[in-house]
Amino acid sequence: MSVQTVTRTRGVLAGSAERAAVNSLIAEAEASVSGAPVFAPEAGAILLALILLSPKEPTEPREK
């Protein structure tokens, strides 16, 4: 007949400093605005204007 032994483990309890550290990490507020680029429709018009107003490429002089 086999003998089973039951061992009980007690959970490790966190101290007040550790609890405060975990609570501050959990309760940290998210940033209201991220650093991600945001779609701006006026940027397309600005780019198009810059392309149209940019100087043309110089042409090679013709040999006579």
PDB file of N, CA and C in Angstrom:
ATOM      1  N   MET A   1       0.838  -1.154   0.000  1.00  0.00           N
ATOM      2  CA  MET A   1       0.000   0.000   0.000  1.00  0.00           C
ATOM      3  C   MET A   1       0.899   1.238   0.000  1.00  0.00           C
ATOM      4  N   SER A   2       0.535   2.198  -0.839  1.00  0.00           N
ATOM      5  CA  SER A   2       1.372   3.389  -0.955  1.00  0.00           C
ATOM      6  C   SER A   2       0.944   4.411   0.097  1.00  0.00           C
ATOM      7  N   VAL A   3       1.887   5.175   0.507  1.00  0.00           N
ATOM      8  CA  VAL A   3       1.631   6.189   1.518  1.00  0.00           C
ATOM      9  C   VAL A   3       1.764   7.561   0.852  1.00  0.00           C
ATOM     10  N   GLN A   4       0.744   8.350   0.981  1.00  0.00           N
ATOM     11  CA  GLN A   4       0.794   9.695   0.422  1.00  0.00           C
ATOM     12  C   GLN A   4       1.003  10.688   1.547  1.00  0.00           C
ATOM     13  N   THR A   5       1.912  11.579   1.302  1.00  0.00           N
ATOM     14  CA  THR A   5       2.127  12.618   2.295  1.00  0.00           C
ATOM     15  C   THR A   5       1.675  13.942   1.679  1.00  0.00           C
ATOM     16  N   VAL A   6       0.985  14.687   2.440  1.00  0.00           N
ATOM     17  CA  VAL A   6       0.485  15.968   1.986  1.00  0.00           C
ATOM     18  C   VAL A   6       1.338  17.050   2.634  1.00  0.00           C
ATOM     19  N   THR A   7       1.959  17.823   1.768  1.00  0.00           N
ATOM     20  CA  THR A   7       2.732  18.947   2.290  1.00  0.00           C
ATOM     21  C   THR A   7       2.006  20.219   1.898  1.00  0.00           C
ATOM     22  N   ARG A   8       1.806  21.040   2.834  1.00  0.00           N
ATOM     23  CA  ARG A   8       1.117  22.293   2.576  1.00  0.00           C
ATOM     24  C   ARG A   8       2.151  23.410   2.519  1.00  0.00           C
ATOM     25  N   THR A   9       2.000  24.194   1.480  1.00  0.00           N
ATOM     26  CA  THR A   9       2.913  25.332   1.368  1.00  0.00           C
ATOM     27  C   THR A   9       2.132  26.597   1.691  1.00  0.00           C
ATOM     28  N   ARG A  10       2.778  27.455   2.362  1.00  0.00           N
ATOM     29  CA  ARG A  10       2.153  28.715   2.725  1.00  0.00           C
ATOM     30  C   ARG A  10       2.618  29.780   1.742  1.00  0.00           C
ATOM     31  N   GLY A  11       1.713  30.568   1.243  1.00  0.00           N
ATOM     32  CA  GLY A  11       2.054  31.616   0.298  1.00  0.00           C
ATOM     33  C   GLY A  11       2.925  32.673   0.929  1.00  0.00           C
ATOM     34  N   VAL A  12       3.767  33.253   0.120  1.00  0.00           N
ATOM     35  CA  VAL A  12       4.649  34.305   0.598  1.00  0.00           C
ATOM     36  C   VAL A  12       3.855  35.606   0.617  1.00  0.00           C
ATOM     37  N   LEU A  13       3.853  36.239   1.739  1.00  0.00           N
ATOM     38  CA  LEU A  13       3.113  37.488   1.881  1.00  0.00           C
ATOM     39  C   LEU A  13       4.032  38.664   1.603  1.00  0.00           C
ATOM     40  N   ALA A  14       3.519  39.626   0.861  1.00  0.00           N
ATOM     41  CA  ALA A  14       4.306  40.806   0.523  1.00  0.00           C
ATOM     42  C   ALA A  14       4.237  41.814   1.658  1.00  0.00           C
ATOM     43  N   GLY A  15       5.327  42.528   1.823  1.00  0.00           N
ATOM     44  CA  GLY A  15       5.377  43.571   2.836  1.00  0.00           C
ATOM     45  C   GLY A  15       4.675  44.828   2.341  1.00  0.00           C
ATOM     46  N   SER A  16       4.549  45.790   3.221  1.00  0.00           N
ATOM     47  CA  SER A  16       3.832  47.014   2.842  1.00  0.00           C
ATOM     48  C   SER A  16       4.574  47.793   1.756  1.00  0.00           C
ATOM     49  N   ALA A  17       5.894  47.762   1.762  1.00  0.00           N
ATOM     50  CA  ALA A  17       6.669  48.464   0.733  1.00  0.00           C
ATOM     51  C   ALA A  17       6.453  47.803  -0.629  1.00  0.00           C
ATOM     52  N   GLU A  18       6.433  46.480  -0.645  1.00  0.00           N
ATOM     53  CA  GLU A  18       6.216  45.760  -1.902  1.00  0.00           C
ATOM     54  C   GLU A  18       4.800  45.994  -2.423  1.00  0.00           C
ATOM     55  N   ARG A  19       3.822  45.994  -1.507  1.00  0.00           N
ATOM     56  CA  ARG A  19       2.441  46.265  -1.919  1.00  0.00           C
ATOM     57  C   ARG A  19       2.310  47.664  -2.508  1.00  0.00           C
ATOM     58  N   ALA A  20       2.967  48.640  -1.886  1.00  0.00           N
ATOM     59  CA  ALA A  20       2.910  50.013  -2.381  1.00  0.00           C
ATOM     60  C   ALA A  20       3.540  50.110  -3.768  1.00  0.00           C
ATOM     61  N   ALA A  21       4.640  49.383  -3.997  1.00  0.00           N
ATOM     62  CA  ALA A  21       5.298  49.408  -5.302  1.00  0.00           C
ATOM     63  C   ALA A  21       4.397  48.795  -6.370  1.00  0.00           C
ATOM     64  N   VAL A  22       3.759  47.692  -6.057  1.00  0.00           N
ATOM     65  CA  VAL A  22       2.861  47.047  -7.021  1.00  0.00           C
ATOM     66  C   VAL A  22       1.644  47.925  -7.285  1.00  0.00           C
ATOM     67  N   ASN A  23       1.084  48.510  -6.257  1.00  0.00           N
ATOM     68  CA  ASN A  23      -0.075  49.395  -6.440  1.00  0.00           C
ATOM     69  C   ASN A  23       0.271  50.613  -7.291  1.00  0.00           C
ATOM     70  N   SER A  24       1.473  51.165  -7.116  1.00  0.00           N
ATOM     71  CA  SER A  24       1.851  52.326  -7.929  1.00  0.00           C
ATOM     72  C   SER A  24       2.025  51.938  -9.386  1.00  0.00           C
ATOM     73  N   LEU A  25       2.494  50.722  -9.645  1.00  0.00           N
ATOM     74  CA  LEU A  25       2.627  50.269 -11.033  1.00  0.00           C
ATOM     75  C   LEU A  25       1.267  50.014 -11.664  1.00  0.00           C
ATOM     76  N   ILE A  26       0.360  49.452 -10.893  1.00  0.00           N
ATOM     77  CA  ILE A  26      -0.969  49.135 -11.418  1.00  0.00           C
ATOM     78  C   ILE A  26      -1.775  50.403 -11.625  1.00  0.00           C
ATOM     79  N   ALA A  27      -1.683  51.345 -10.710  1.00  0.00           N
ATOM     80  CA  ALA A  27      -2.516  52.536 -10.751  1.00  0.00           C
ATOM     81  C   ALA A  27      -1.919  53.648 -11.620  1.00  0.00           C
ATOM     82  N   GLU A  28      -0.789  53.384 -12.287  1.00  0.00           N
ATOM     83  CA  GLU A  28      -0.156  54.418 -13.110  1.00  0.00           C
ATOM     84  C   GLU A  28      -1.067  54.797 -14.265  1.00  0.00           C
ATOM     85  N   ALA A  29      -1.303  56.076 -14.413  1.00  0.00           N
ATOM     86  CA  ALA A  29      -2.211  56.555 -15.458  1.00  0.00           C
ATOM     87  C   ALA A  29      -1.529  56.470 -16.821  1.00  0.00           C
ATOM     88  N   GLU A  30      -2.336  56.216 -17.853  1.00  0.00           N
ATOM     89  CA  GLU A  30      -1.806  56.159 -19.211  1.00  0.00           C
ATOM     90  C   GLU A  30      -1.649  57.575 -19.754  1.00  0.00           C
ATOM     91  N   ALA A  31      -0.763  57.717 -20.703  1.00  0.00           N
ATOM     92  CA  ALA A  31      -0.558  59.013 -21.338  1.00  0.00           C
ATOM     93  C   ALA A  31      -1.791  59.366 -22.162  1.00  0.00           C
ATOM     94  N   SER A  32      -2.168  60.632 -22.135  1.00  0.00           N
ATOM     95  CA  SER A  32      -3.367  61.038 -22.864  1.00  0.00           C
ATOM     96  C   SER A  32      -3.125  61.064 -24.360  1.00  0.00           C
ATOM     97  N   VAL A  33      -1.918  61.406 -24.779  1.00  0.00           N
ATOM     98  CA  VAL A  33      -1.590  61.450 -26.200  1.00  0.00           C
ATOM     99  C   VAL A  33      -0.312  60.659 -26.416  1.00  0.00           C
ATOM    100  N   SER A  34      -0.351  59.751 -27.382  1.00  0.00           N
ATOM    101  CA  SER A  34       0.839  58.956 -27.649  1.00  0.00           C
ATOM    102  C   SER A  34       1.746  59.693 -28.626  1.00  0.00           C
ATOM    103  N   GLY A  35       2.922  59.175 -28.809  1.00  0.00           N
ATOM    104  CA  GLY A  35       3.873  59.768 -29.733  1.00  0.00           C
ATOM    105  C   GLY A  35       3.702  59.255 -31.151  1.00  0.00           C
ATOM    106  N   ALA A  36       2.651  58.496 -31.396  1.00  0.00           N
ATOM    107  CA  ALA A  36       2.442  57.939 -32.727  1.00  0.00           C
ATOM    108  C   ALA A  36       2.024  59.028 -33.711  1.00  0.00           C
ATOM    109  N   PRO A  37       2.441  58.875 -34.974  1.00  0.00           N
ATOM    110  CA  PRO A  37       2.019  59.871 -35.961  1.00  0.00           C
ATOM    111  C   PRO A  37       0.511  59.835 -36.166  1.00  0.00           C
ATOM    112  N   VAL A  38      -0.073  60.987 -36.352  1.00  0.00           N
ATOM    113  CA  VAL A  38      -1.514  61.112 -36.516  1.00  0.00           C
ATOM    114  C   VAL A  38      -1.794  61.567 -37.943  1.00  0.00           C
ATOM    115  N   PHE A  39      -2.831  61.010 -38.560  1.00  0.00           N
ATOM    116  CA  PHE A  39      -3.194  61.372 -39.924  1.00  0.00           C
ATOM    117  C   PHE A  39      -3.598  62.837 -39.974  1.00  0.00           C
ATOM    118  N   ALA A  40      -2.992  63.556 -40.902  1.00  0.00           N
ATOM    119  CA  ALA A  40      -3.328  64.971 -41.089  1.00  0.00           C
ATOM    120  C   ALA A  40      -3.558  65.204 -42.576  1.00  0.00           C
ATOM    121  N   PRO A  41      -4.804  65.412 -43.013  1.00  0.00           N
ATOM    122  CA  PRO A  41      -5.074  65.566 -44.444  1.00  0.00           C
ATOM    123  C   PRO A  41      -4.410  66.788 -45.055  1.00  0.00           C
ATOM    124  N   GLU A  42      -4.165  67.833 -44.271  1.00  0.00           N
ATOM    125  CA  GLU A  42      -3.535  69.026 -44.838  1.00  0.00           C
ATOM    126  C   GLU A  42      -2.075  68.777 -45.203  1.00  0.00           C
ATOM    127  N   ALA A  43      -1.472  67.732 -44.659  1.00  0.00           N
ATOM    128  CA  ALA A  43      -0.083  67.425 -44.981  1.00  0.00           C
ATOM    129  C   ALA A  43       0.055  67.020 -46.447  1.00  0.00           C
ATOM    130  N   GLY A  44      -0.953  66.362 -47.006  1.00  0.00           N
ATOM    131  CA  GLY A  44      -0.909  65.984 -48.411  1.00  0.00           C
ATOM    132  C   GLY A  44      -0.886  67.198 -49.312  1.00  0.00           C
ATOM    133  N   ALA A  45      -1.662  68.207 -48.991  1.00  0.00           N
ATOM    134  CA  ALA A  45      -1.700  69.430 -49.788  1.00  0.00           C
ATOM    135  C   ALA A  45      -0.366  70.174 -49.696  1.00  0.00           C
ATOM    136  N   ILE A  46       0.232  70.174 -48.538  1.00  0.00           N
ATOM    137  CA  ILE A  46       1.521  70.854 -48.363  1.00  0.00           C
ATOM    138  C   ILE A  46       2.596  70.147 -49.189  1.00  0.00           C
ATOM    139  N   LEU A  47       2.607  68.819 -49.158  1.00  0.00           N
ATOM    140  CA  LEU A  47       3.590  68.072 -49.940  1.00  0.00           C
ATOM    141  C   LEU A  47       3.393  68.298 -51.431  1.00  0.00           C
ATOM    142  N   LEU A  48       2.152  68.294 -51.879  1.00  0.00           N
ATOM    143  CA  LEU A  48       1.863  68.530 -53.292  1.00  0.00           C
ATOM    144  C   LEU A  48       2.318  69.931 -53.705  1.00  0.00           C
ATOM    145  N   ALA A  49       2.083  70.929 -52.881  1.00  0.00           N
ATOM    146  CA  ALA A  49       2.511  72.290 -53.178  1.00  0.00           C
ATOM    147  C   ALA A  49       4.031  72.380 -53.247  1.00  0.00           C
ATOM    148  N   LEU A  50       4.722  71.694 -52.344  1.00  0.00           N
ATOM    149  CA  LEU A  50       6.185  71.718 -52.372  1.00  0.00           C
ATOM    150  C   LEU A  50       6.728  71.058 -53.637  1.00  0.00           C
ATOM    151  N   ILE A  51       6.088  69.975 -54.065  1.00  0.00           N
ATOM    152  CA  ILE A  51       6.540  69.300 -55.286  1.00  0.00           C
ATOM    153  C   ILE A  51       6.317  70.193 -56.497  1.00  0.00           C
ATOM    154  N   LEU A  52       5.166  70.839 -56.575  1.00  0.00           N
ATOM    155  CA  LEU A  52       4.869  71.686 -57.723  1.00  0.00           C
ATOM    156  C   LEU A  52       5.724  72.947 -57.745  1.00  0.00           C
ATOM    157  N   LEU A  53       6.097  73.462 -56.595  1.00  0.00           N
ATOM    158  CA  LEU A  53       6.886  74.686 -56.522  1.00  0.00           C
ATOM    159  C   LEU A  53       8.389  74.441 -56.545  1.00  0.00           C
ATOM    160  N   SER A  54       8.810  73.193 -56.484  1.00  0.00           N
ATOM    161  CA  SER A  54      10.240  72.899 -56.471  1.00  0.00           C
ATOM    162  C   SER A  54      10.847  73.201 -57.838  1.00  0.00           C
ATOM    163  N   PRO A  55      12.104  73.591 -57.868  1.00  0.00           N
ATOM    164  CA  PRO A  55      12.728  73.908 -59.154  1.00  0.00           C
ATOM    165  C   PRO A  55      12.875  72.653 -60.019  1.00  0.00           C
ATOM    166  N   LYS A  56      12.836  72.852 -61.322  1.00  0.00           N
ATOM    167  CA  LYS A  56      12.977  71.738 -62.257  1.00  0.00           C
ATOM    168  C   LYS A  56      14.432  71.292 -62.305  1.00  0.00           C
ATOM    169  N   GLU A  57      14.640  70.077 -62.786  1.00  0.00           N
ATOM    170  CA  GLU A  57      16.006  69.575 -62.937  1.00  0.00           C
ATOM    171  C   GLU A  57      16.692  70.347 -64.044  1.00  0.00           C
ATOM    172  N   PRO A  58      17.973  70.665 -63.863  1.00  0.00           N
ATOM    173  CA  PRO A  58      18.678  71.355 -64.935  1.00  0.00           C
ATOM    174  C   PRO A  58      18.851  70.412 -66.130  1.00  0.00           C
ATOM    175  N   THR A  59      18.750  70.984 -67.320  1.00  0.00           N
ATOM    176  CA  THR A  59      18.911  70.176 -68.532  1.00  0.00           C
ATOM    177  C   THR A  59      20.331  70.323 -69.050  1.00  0.00           C
ATOM    178  N   GLU A  60      20.781  69.319 -69.731  1.00  0.00           N
ATOM    179  CA  GLU A  60      22.116  69.348 -70.328  1.00  0.00           C
ATOM    180  C   GLU A  60      22.090  70.339 -71.513  1.00  0.00           C
ATOM    181  N   PRO A  61      23.122  71.135 -71.633  1.00  0.00           N
ATOM    182  CA  PRO A  61      23.161  72.049 -72.772  1.00  0.00           C
ATOM    183  C   PRO A  61      23.321  71.273 -74.080  1.00  0.00           C
ATOM    184  N   ARG A  62      22.647  71.747 -75.134  1.00  0.00           N
ATOM    185  CA  ARG A  62      22.727  71.078 -76.434  1.00  0.00           C
ATOM    186  C   ARG A  62      24.020  71.467 -77.129  1.00  0.00           C
ATOM    187  N   GLU A  63      24.577  70.485 -77.775  1.00  0.00           N
ATOM    188  CA  GLU A  63      25.786  70.790 -78.560  1.00  0.00           C
ATOM    189  C   GLU A  63      25.366  71.255 -79.944  1.00  0.00           C
ATOM    190  N   LYS A  64      26.034  72.249 -80.476  1.00  0.00           N
ATOM    191  CA  LYS A  64      25.686  72.793 -81.788  1.00  0.00           C
ATOM    192  C   LYS A  64      26.496  72.197 -82.880  1.00  0.00           C
TER     193      LYS A  64
END
